[in-house]
Full PDB file with SEQRES, HELIX, SHEET, SSBOND, CRYST1, ORIGX, SCALE, CONECT and MASTER records, all heavy atoms in Angstrom:
SEQRES   1 A   30  ARG LEU PHE HIS GLU GLU ARG GLU VAL ARG VAL GLU LYS          
SEQRES   2 A   30  GLY ALA PHE LEU SER ARG GLY CYS ARG CYS THR LEU GLU          
SEQRES   3 A   30  HIS TYR ARG ASP                                              
HELIX    1 AA1 LEU A   25  ARG A   29  1                                   5    
CRYST1    1.000    1.000    1.000  90.00  90.00  90.00 P 1           1          
ORIGX1      1.000000  0.000000  0.000000        0.00000                         
ORIGX2      0.000000  1.000000  0.000000        0.00000                         
ORIGX3      0.000000  0.000000  1.000000        0.00000                         
SCALE1      1.000000  0.000000  0.000000        0.00000                         
SCALE2      0.000000  1.000000  0.000000        0.00000                         
SCALE3      0.000000  0.000000  1.000000        0.00000                         
ATOM      1  N   ARG A   1     209.597  74.088  70.799  1.00  0.00           N  
ATOM      2  CA  ARG A   1     208.594  73.306  71.520  1.00  0.00           C  
ATOM      3  C   ARG A   1     207.342  73.103  70.671  1.00  0.00           C  
ATOM      4  O   ARG A   1     206.734  72.026  70.675  1.00  0.00           O  
ATOM      5  CB  ARG A   1     208.210  74.016  72.825  1.00  0.00           C  
ATOM      6  CG  ARG A   1     207.265  73.183  73.693  1.00  0.00           C  
ATOM      7  CD  ARG A   1     206.788  73.913  74.920  1.00  0.00           C  
ATOM      8  NE  ARG A   1     205.786  74.919  74.636  1.00  0.00           N  
ATOM      9  CZ  ARG A   1     204.512  74.658  74.356  1.00  0.00           C  
ATOM     10  NH1 ARG A   1     204.087  73.406  74.262  1.00  0.00           N  
ATOM     11  NH2 ARG A   1     203.659  75.637  74.130  1.00  0.00           N  
ATOM     12  N   LEU A   2     206.970  74.122  69.920  1.00  0.00           N  
ATOM     13  CA  LEU A   2     205.743  74.047  69.143  1.00  0.00           C  
ATOM     14  C   LEU A   2     205.883  73.179  67.895  1.00  0.00           C  
ATOM     15  O   LEU A   2     204.955  72.445  67.533  1.00  0.00           O  
ATOM     16  CB  LEU A   2     205.308  75.464  68.716  1.00  0.00           C  
ATOM     17  CG  LEU A   2     204.897  76.419  69.841  1.00  0.00           C  
ATOM     18  CD1 LEU A   2     204.674  77.815  69.275  1.00  0.00           C  
ATOM     19  CD2 LEU A   2     203.644  75.927  70.553  1.00  0.00           C  
ATOM     20  N   PHE A   3     207.046  73.258  67.228  1.00  0.00           N  
ATOM     21  CA  PHE A   3     207.158  72.653  65.902  1.00  0.00           C  
ATOM     22  C   PHE A   3     208.328  71.673  65.760  1.00  0.00           C  
ATOM     23  O   PHE A   3     208.788  71.420  64.647  1.00  0.00           O  
ATOM     24  CB  PHE A   3     207.290  73.759  64.846  1.00  0.00           C  
ATOM     25  CG  PHE A   3     206.134  74.710  64.815  1.00  0.00           C  
ATOM     26  CD1 PHE A   3     206.282  76.030  65.232  1.00  0.00           C  
ATOM     27  CD2 PHE A   3     204.883  74.295  64.390  1.00  0.00           C  
ATOM     28  CE1 PHE A   3     205.219  76.919  65.203  1.00  0.00           C  
ATOM     29  CE2 PHE A   3     203.809  75.164  64.361  1.00  0.00           C  
ATOM     30  CZ  PHE A   3     203.975  76.484  64.776  1.00  0.00           C  
ATOM     31  N   HIS A   4     208.805  71.113  66.857  1.00  0.00           N  
ATOM     32  CA  HIS A   4     209.984  70.246  66.776  1.00  0.00           C  
ATOM     33  C   HIS A   4     209.717  68.960  66.002  1.00  0.00           C  
ATOM     34  O   HIS A   4     210.666  68.283  65.576  1.00  0.00           O  
ATOM     35  CB  HIS A   4     210.494  69.913  68.189  1.00  0.00           C  
ATOM     36  CG  HIS A   4     209.555  69.068  68.988  1.00  0.00           C  
ATOM     37  ND1 HIS A   4     208.508  69.615  69.713  1.00  0.00           N  
ATOM     38  CD2 HIS A   4     209.484  67.722  69.165  1.00  0.00           C  
ATOM     39  CE1 HIS A   4     207.855  68.641  70.309  1.00  0.00           C  
ATOM     40  NE2 HIS A   4     208.417  67.487  69.995  1.00  0.00           N  
ATOM     41  N   GLU A   5     208.469  68.588  65.804  1.00  0.00           N  
ATOM     42  CA  GLU A   5     208.174  67.368  65.070  1.00  0.00           C  
ATOM     43  C   GLU A   5     208.226  67.573  63.559  1.00  0.00           C  
ATOM     44  O   GLU A   5     208.204  66.595  62.800  1.00  0.00           O  
ATOM     45  CB  GLU A   5     206.793  66.831  65.468  1.00  0.00           C  
ATOM     46  CG  GLU A   5     206.712  66.378  66.927  1.00  0.00           C  
ATOM     47  CD  GLU A   5     205.346  65.831  67.278  1.00  0.00           C  
ATOM     48  OE1 GLU A   5     204.460  65.839  66.388  1.00  0.00           O  
ATOM     49  OE2 GLU A   5     205.159  65.387  68.423  1.00  0.00           O  
ATOM     50  N   GLU A   6     208.301  68.822  63.116  1.00  0.00           N  
ATOM     51  CA  GLU A   6     208.360  69.090  61.683  1.00  0.00           C  
ATOM     52  C   GLU A   6     209.738  68.733  61.126  1.00  0.00           C  
ATOM     53  O   GLU A   6     210.751  68.865  61.819  1.00  0.00           O  
ATOM     54  CB  GLU A   6     208.055  70.566  61.395  1.00  0.00           C  
ATOM     55  CG  GLU A   6     206.667  70.999  61.815  1.00  0.00           C  
ATOM     56  CD  GLU A   6     205.583  70.189  61.099  1.00  0.00           C  
ATOM     57  OE1 GLU A   6     205.695  69.994  59.878  1.00  0.00           O  
ATOM     58  OE2 GLU A   6     204.640  69.745  61.780  1.00  0.00           O  
ATOM     59  N   ARG A   7     209.762  68.307  59.883  1.00  0.00           N  
ATOM     60  CA  ARG A   7     211.021  67.908  59.261  1.00  0.00           C  
ATOM     61  C   ARG A   7     211.979  69.081  59.143  1.00  0.00           C  
ATOM     62  O   ARG A   7     213.187  68.936  59.330  1.00  0.00           O  
ATOM     63  CB  ARG A   7     210.750  67.319  57.872  1.00  0.00           C  
ATOM     64  CG  ARG A   7     211.989  66.737  57.186  1.00  0.00           C  
ATOM     65  CD  ARG A   7     211.603  66.041  55.898  1.00  0.00           C  
ATOM     66  NE  ARG A   7     211.114  66.997  54.921  1.00  0.00           N  
ATOM     67  CZ  ARG A   7     211.919  67.661  54.075  1.00  0.00           C  
ATOM     68  NH1 ARG A   7     213.219  67.459  54.089  1.00  0.00           N  
ATOM     69  NH2 ARG A   7     211.408  68.509  53.194  1.00  0.00           N  
ATOM     70  N   GLU A   8     211.454  70.262  58.834  1.00  0.00           N  
ATOM     71  CA  GLU A   8     212.304  71.441  58.685  1.00  0.00           C  
ATOM     72  C   GLU A   8     211.549  72.695  59.084  1.00  0.00           C  
ATOM     73  O   GLU A   8     210.404  72.906  58.664  1.00  0.00           O  
ATOM     74  CB  GLU A   8     212.782  71.585  57.237  1.00  0.00           C  
ATOM     75  CG  GLU A   8     213.701  72.778  57.016  1.00  0.00           C  
ATOM     76  CD  GLU A   8     214.106  72.951  55.564  1.00  0.00           C  
ATOM     77  OE1 GLU A   8     213.413  72.381  54.678  1.00  0.00           O  
ATOM     78  OE2 GLU A   8     215.095  73.649  55.300  1.00  0.00           O  
ATOM     79  N   VAL A   9     212.184  73.506  59.920  1.00  0.00           N  
ATOM     80  CA  VAL A   9     211.687  74.844  60.244  1.00  0.00           C  
ATOM     81  C   VAL A   9     212.850  75.804  60.028  1.00  0.00           C  
ATOM     82  O   VAL A   9     213.887  75.671  60.679  1.00  0.00           O  
ATOM     83  CB  VAL A   9     211.180  74.939  61.705  1.00  0.00           C  
ATOM     84  CG1 VAL A   9     210.687  76.356  61.994  1.00  0.00           C  
ATOM     85  CG2 VAL A   9     210.079  73.935  61.969  1.00  0.00           C  
ATOM     86  N   ARG A  10     212.693  76.712  59.111  1.00  0.00           N  
ATOM     87  CA  ARG A  10     213.747  77.671  58.808  1.00  0.00           C  
ATOM     88  C   ARG A  10     213.544  78.928  59.644  1.00  0.00           C  
ATOM     89  O   ARG A  10     212.466  79.518  59.632  1.00  0.00           O  
ATOM     90  CB  ARG A  10     213.737  78.029  57.326  1.00  0.00           C  
ATOM     91  CG  ARG A  10     213.963  76.829  56.412  1.00  0.00           C  
ATOM     92  CD  ARG A  10     213.781  77.196  54.955  1.00  0.00           C  
ATOM     93  NE  ARG A  10     213.899  76.016  54.096  1.00  0.00           N  
ATOM     94  CZ  ARG A  10     213.591  76.018  52.801  1.00  0.00           C  
ATOM     95  NH1 ARG A  10     213.151  77.137  52.225  1.00  0.00           N  
ATOM     96  NH2 ARG A  10     213.722  74.906  52.095  1.00  0.00           N  
ATOM     97  N   VAL A  11     214.584  79.326  60.358  1.00  0.00           N  
ATOM     98  CA  VAL A  11     214.491  80.428  61.310  1.00  0.00           C  
ATOM     99  C   VAL A  11     215.535  81.483  60.978  1.00  0.00           C  
ATOM    100  O   VAL A  11     216.670  81.161  60.651  1.00  0.00           O  
ATOM    101  CB  VAL A  11     214.716  79.934  62.759  1.00  0.00           C  
ATOM    102  CG1 VAL A  11     214.456  81.055  63.758  1.00  0.00           C  
ATOM    103  CG2 VAL A  11     213.825  78.743  63.051  1.00  0.00           C  
ATOM    104  N   GLU A  12     215.143  82.743  61.071  1.00  0.00           N  
ATOM    105  CA  GLU A  12     216.105  83.829  60.904  1.00  0.00           C  
ATOM    106  C   GLU A  12     215.708  85.023  61.758  1.00  0.00           C  
ATOM    107  O   GLU A  12     214.540  85.211  62.089  1.00  0.00           O  
ATOM    108  CB  GLU A  12     216.209  84.247  59.441  1.00  0.00           C  
ATOM    109  CG  GLU A  12     214.924  84.804  58.847  1.00  0.00           C  
ATOM    110  CD  GLU A  12     215.106  85.259  57.425  1.00  0.00           C  
ATOM    111  OE1 GLU A  12     215.918  86.175  57.198  1.00  0.00           O  
ATOM    112  OE2 GLU A  12     214.448  84.700  56.526  1.00  0.00           O  
ATOM    113  N   LYS A  13     216.699  85.809  62.108  1.00  0.00           N  
ATOM    114  CA  LYS A  13     216.455  87.001  62.901  1.00  0.00           C  
ATOM    115  C   LYS A  13     215.773  88.062  62.056  1.00  0.00           C  
ATOM    116  O   LYS A  13     216.112  88.259  60.895  1.00  0.00           O  
ATOM    117  CB  LYS A  13     217.761  87.563  63.447  1.00  0.00           C  
ATOM    118  CG  LYS A  13     218.450  86.683  64.467  1.00  0.00           C  
ATOM    119  CD  LYS A  13     219.742  87.313  64.947  1.00  0.00           C  
ATOM    120  CE  LYS A  13     220.794  87.352  63.847  1.00  0.00           C  
ATOM    121  NZ  LYS A  13     222.103  87.837  64.366  1.00  0.00           N  
ATOM    122  N   GLY A  14     214.833  88.760  62.670  1.00  0.00           N  
ATOM    123  CA  GLY A  14     214.220  89.909  62.030  1.00  0.00           C  
ATOM    124  C   GLY A  14     214.827  91.191  62.563  1.00  0.00           C  
ATOM    125  O   GLY A  14     215.869  91.197  63.219  1.00  0.00           O  
ATOM    126  N   ALA A  15     214.152  92.289  62.309  1.00  0.00           N  
ATOM    127  CA  ALA A  15     214.671  93.604  62.671  1.00  0.00           C  
ATOM    128  C   ALA A  15     214.597  93.843  64.174  1.00  0.00           C  
ATOM    129  O   ALA A  15     213.741  93.300  64.873  1.00  0.00           O  
ATOM    130  CB  ALA A  15     213.881  94.685  61.949  1.00  0.00           C  
ATOM    131  N   PHE A  16     215.527  94.664  64.665  1.00  0.00           N  
ATOM    132  CA  PHE A  16     215.385  95.206  66.011  1.00  0.00           C  
ATOM    133  C   PHE A  16     214.260  96.234  65.986  1.00  0.00           C  
ATOM    134  O   PHE A  16     214.039  96.914  64.989  1.00  0.00           O  
ATOM    135  CB  PHE A  16     216.681  95.897  66.462  1.00  0.00           C  
ATOM    136  CG  PHE A  16     217.757  94.945  66.875  1.00  0.00           C  
ATOM    137  CD1 PHE A  16     218.871  94.757  66.083  1.00  0.00           C  
ATOM    138  CD2 PHE A  16     217.657  94.237  68.063  1.00  0.00           C  
ATOM    139  CE1 PHE A  16     219.881  93.880  66.462  1.00  0.00           C  
ATOM    140  CE2 PHE A  16     218.651  93.361  68.456  1.00  0.00           C  
ATOM    141  CZ  PHE A  16     219.767  93.178  67.649  1.00  0.00           C  
ATOM    142  N   LEU A  17     213.552  96.347  67.096  1.00  0.00           N  
ATOM    143  CA  LEU A  17     212.452  97.296  67.205  1.00  0.00           C  
ATOM    144  C   LEU A  17     212.835  98.423  68.152  1.00  0.00           C  
ATOM    145  O   LEU A  17     213.554  98.213  69.127  1.00  0.00           O  
ATOM    146  CB  LEU A  17     211.196  96.593  67.700  1.00  0.00           C  
ATOM    147  CG  LEU A  17     210.670  95.479  66.798  1.00  0.00           C  
ATOM    148  CD1 LEU A  17     209.578  94.689  67.504  1.00  0.00           C  
ATOM    149  CD2 LEU A  17     210.145  96.052  65.490  1.00  0.00           C  
ATOM    150  N   SER A  18     212.334  99.604  67.864  1.00  0.00           N  
ATOM    151  CA  SER A  18     212.609 100.765  68.703  1.00  0.00           C  
ATOM    152  C   SER A  18     211.376 101.652  68.740  1.00  0.00           C  
ATOM    153  O   SER A  18     210.466 101.524  67.912  1.00  0.00           O  
ATOM    154  CB  SER A  18     213.812 101.558  68.162  1.00  0.00           C  
ATOM    155  OG  SER A  18     213.523 102.062  66.865  1.00  0.00           O  
ATOM    156  N   ARG A  19     211.331 102.521  69.727  1.00  0.00           N  
ATOM    157  CA  ARG A  19     210.263 103.521  69.756  1.00  0.00           C  
ATOM    158  C   ARG A  19     210.586 104.576  68.712  1.00  0.00           C  
ATOM    159  O   ARG A  19     211.686 105.100  68.652  1.00  0.00           O  
ATOM    160  CB  ARG A  19     210.174 104.161  71.137  1.00  0.00           C  
ATOM    161  CG  ARG A  19     209.221 105.351  71.222  1.00  0.00           C  
ATOM    162  CD  ARG A  19     209.333 106.037  72.568  1.00  0.00           C  
ATOM    163  NE  ARG A  19     208.755 107.377  72.534  1.00  0.00           N  
ATOM    164  CZ  ARG A  19     209.386 108.446  72.126  1.00  0.00           C  
ATOM    165  NH1 ARG A  19     210.629 108.371  71.692  1.00  0.00           N  
ATOM    166  NH2 ARG A  19     208.797 109.633  72.127  1.00  0.00           N  
ATOM    167  N   GLY A  20     209.610 104.902  67.883  1.00  0.00           N  
ATOM    168  CA  GLY A  20     209.888 105.835  66.791  1.00  0.00           C  
ATOM    169  C   GLY A  20     208.815 106.887  66.634  1.00  0.00           C  
ATOM    170  O   GLY A  20     208.049 106.849  65.667  1.00  0.00           O  
ATOM    171  N   CYS A  21     208.744 107.830  67.567  1.00  0.00           N  
ATOM    172  CA  CYS A  21     207.688 108.828  67.501  1.00  0.00           C  
ATOM    173  C   CYS A  21     207.845 109.755  66.299  1.00  0.00           C  
ATOM    174  O   CYS A  21     206.875 110.194  65.718  1.00  0.00           O  
ATOM    175  CB  CYS A  21     207.655 109.653  68.791  1.00  0.00           C  
ATOM    176  SG  CYS A  21     206.227 110.757  68.855  1.00  0.00           S  
ATOM    177  N   ARG A  22     209.072 110.080  65.936  1.00  0.00           N  
ATOM    178  CA  ARG A  22     209.393 110.891  64.769  1.00  0.00           C  
ATOM    179  C   ARG A  22     209.000 112.353  64.913  1.00  0.00           C  
ATOM    180  O   ARG A  22     209.028 113.115  63.948  1.00  0.00           O  
ATOM    181  CB  ARG A  22     208.758 110.301  63.493  1.00  0.00           C  
ATOM    182  CG  ARG A  22     209.107 108.844  63.259  1.00  0.00           C  
ATOM    183  CD  ARG A  22     208.762 108.420  61.849  1.00  0.00           C  
ATOM    184  NE  ARG A  22     207.346 108.368  61.572  1.00  0.00           N  
ATOM    185  CZ  ARG A  22     206.582 107.305  61.800  1.00  0.00           C  
ATOM    186  NH1 ARG A  22     207.116 106.212  62.327  1.00  0.00           N  
ATOM    187  NH2 ARG A  22     205.317 107.325  61.509  1.00  0.00           N  
ATOM    188  N   CYS A  23     208.618 112.782  66.103  1.00  0.00           N  
ATOM    189  CA  CYS A  23     208.284 114.187  66.301  1.00  0.00           C  
ATOM    190  C   CYS A  23     209.563 114.964  66.629  1.00  0.00           C  
ATOM    191  O   CYS A  23     210.372 114.543  67.449  1.00  0.00           O  
ATOM    192  CB  CYS A  23     207.258 114.360  67.426  1.00  0.00           C  
ATOM    193  SG  CYS A  23     207.824 113.770  69.032  1.00  0.00           S  
ATOM    194  N   THR A  24     209.751 116.098  65.950  1.00  0.00           N  
ATOM    195  CA  THR A  24     210.906 116.956  66.199  1.00  0.00           C  
ATOM    196  C   THR A  24     210.463 118.411  66.116  1.00  0.00           C  
ATOM    197  O   THR A  24     209.441 118.738  65.480  1.00  0.00           O  
ATOM    198  CB  THR A  24     212.030 116.732  65.175  1.00  0.00           C  
ATOM    199  OG1 THR A  24     211.556 117.115  63.863  1.00  0.00           O  
ATOM    200  CG2 THR A  24     212.478 115.278  65.153  1.00  0.00           C  
ATOM    201  N   LEU A  25     211.235 119.271  66.732  1.00  0.00           N  
ATOM    202  CA  LEU A  25     210.942 120.702  66.682  1.00  0.00           C  
ATOM    203  C   LEU A  25     210.985 121.194  65.236  1.00  0.00           C  
ATOM    204  O   LEU A  25     210.145 122.004  64.810  1.00  0.00           O  
ATOM    205  CB  LEU A  25     211.953 121.464  67.539  1.00  0.00           C  
ATOM    206  CG  LEU A  25     211.693 122.971  67.743  1.00  0.00           C  
ATOM    207  CD1 LEU A  25     210.355 123.203  68.421  1.00  0.00           C  
ATOM    208  CD2 LEU A  25     212.829 123.586  68.565  1.00  0.00           C  
ATOM    209  N   GLU A  26     211.947 120.697  64.463  1.00  0.00           N  
ATOM    210  CA  GLU A  26     212.079 121.118  63.071  1.00  0.00           C  
ATOM    211  C   GLU A  26     210.844 120.712  62.259  1.00  0.00           C  
ATOM    212  O   GLU A  26     210.367 121.470  61.405  1.00  0.00           O  
ATOM    213  CB  GLU A  26     213.336 120.506  62.456  1.00  0.00           C  
ATOM    214  CG  GLU A  26     214.642 121.042  63.002  1.00  0.00           C  
ATOM    215  CD  GLU A  26     214.939 120.542  64.409  1.00  0.00           C  
ATOM    216  OE1 GLU A  26     214.346 119.494  64.812  1.00  0.00           O  
ATOM    217  OE2 GLU A  26     215.727 121.198  65.114  1.00  0.00           O  
ATOM    218  N   HIS A  27     210.331 119.524  62.529  1.00  0.00           N  
ATOM    219  CA  HIS A  27     209.143 119.047  61.801  1.00  0.00           C  
ATOM    220  C   HIS A  27     207.955 119.964  62.071  1.00  0.00           C  
ATOM    221  O   HIS A  27     207.246 120.368  61.121  1.00  0.00           O  
ATOM    222  CB  HIS A  27     208.806 117.620  62.240  1.00  0.00           C  
ATOM    223  CG  HIS A  27     207.478 117.141  61.759  1.00  0.00           C  
ATOM    224  ND1 HIS A  27     207.226 116.812  60.447  1.00  0.00           N  
ATOM    225  CD2 HIS A  27     206.301 116.947  62.431  1.00  0.00           C  
ATOM    226  CE1 HIS A  27     205.966 116.432  60.321  1.00  0.00           C  
ATOM    227  NE2 HIS A  27     205.382 116.494  61.502  1.00  0.00           N  
ATOM    228  N   TYR A  28     207.738 120.325  63.337  1.00  0.00           N  
ATOM    229  CA  TYR A  28     206.587 121.165  63.657  1.00  0.00           C  
ATOM    230  C   TYR A  28     206.780 122.602  63.183  1.00  0.00           C  
ATOM    231  O   TYR A  28     205.817 123.273  62.797  1.00  0.00           O  
ATOM    232  CB  TYR A  28     206.309 121.108  65.160  1.00  0.00           C  
ATOM    233  CG  TYR A  28     205.719 119.784  65.595  1.00  0.00           C  
ATOM    234  CD1 TYR A  28     206.314 119.016  66.594  1.00  0.00           C  
ATOM    235  CD2 TYR A  28     204.571 119.287  64.984  1.00  0.00           C  
ATOM    236  CE1 TYR A  28     205.787 117.794  66.974  1.00  0.00           C  
ATOM    237  CE2 TYR A  28     204.035 118.071  65.369  1.00  0.00           C  
ATOM    238  CZ  TYR A  28     204.642 117.325  66.352  1.00  0.00           C  
ATOM    239  OH  TYR A  28     204.113 116.104  66.715  1.00  0.00           O  
ATOM    240  N   ARG A  29     208.005 123.085  63.203  1.00  0.00           N  
ATOM    241  CA  ARG A  29     208.266 124.419  62.649  1.00  0.00           C  
ATOM    242  C   ARG A  29     207.912 124.471  61.163  1.00  0.00           C  
ATOM    243  O   ARG A  29     207.296 125.421  60.677  1.00  0.00           O  
ATOM    244  CB  ARG A  29     209.731 124.790  62.855  1.00  0.00           C  
ATOM    245  CG  ARG A  29     210.058 125.337  64.237  1.00  0.00           C  
ATOM    246  CD  ARG A  29     211.543 125.612  64.361  1.00  0.00           C  
ATOM    247  NE  ARG A  29     211.859 126.224  65.645  1.00  0.00           N  
ATOM    248  CZ  ARG A  29     213.082 126.271  66.156  1.00  0.00           C  
ATOM    249  NH1 ARG A  29     214.111 125.720  65.477  1.00  0.00           N  
ATOM    250  NH2 ARG A  29     213.302 126.845  67.316  1.00  0.00           N  
ATOM    251  N   ASP A  30     208.331 123.430  60.453  1.00  0.00           N  
ATOM    252  CA  ASP A  30     208.014 123.369  59.026  1.00  0.00           C  
ATOM    253  C   ASP A  30     206.512 123.280  58.803  1.00  0.00           C  
ATOM    254  O   ASP A  30     205.962 123.939  57.908  1.00  0.00           O  
ATOM    255  CB  ASP A  30     208.722 122.156  58.408  1.00  0.00           C  
ATOM    256  CG  ASP A  30     208.388 121.985  56.939  1.00  0.00           C  
ATOM    257  OD1 ASP A  30     208.806 122.840  56.128  1.00  0.00           O  
ATOM    258  OD2 ASP A  30     207.702 120.998  56.585  1.00  0.00           O  
TER     259      ASP A  30                                                      
MASTER        0    0    0    1    0    0    0    6  258    1    0    3          
END                                                                             
């Protein structure tokens, strides 16, 4: 809708996103 008048718009999928707190019992023990 925003850019349909442009001659070419190249589109590709990016990464999936996830929650990544990265806290673990092993990390805090260390």
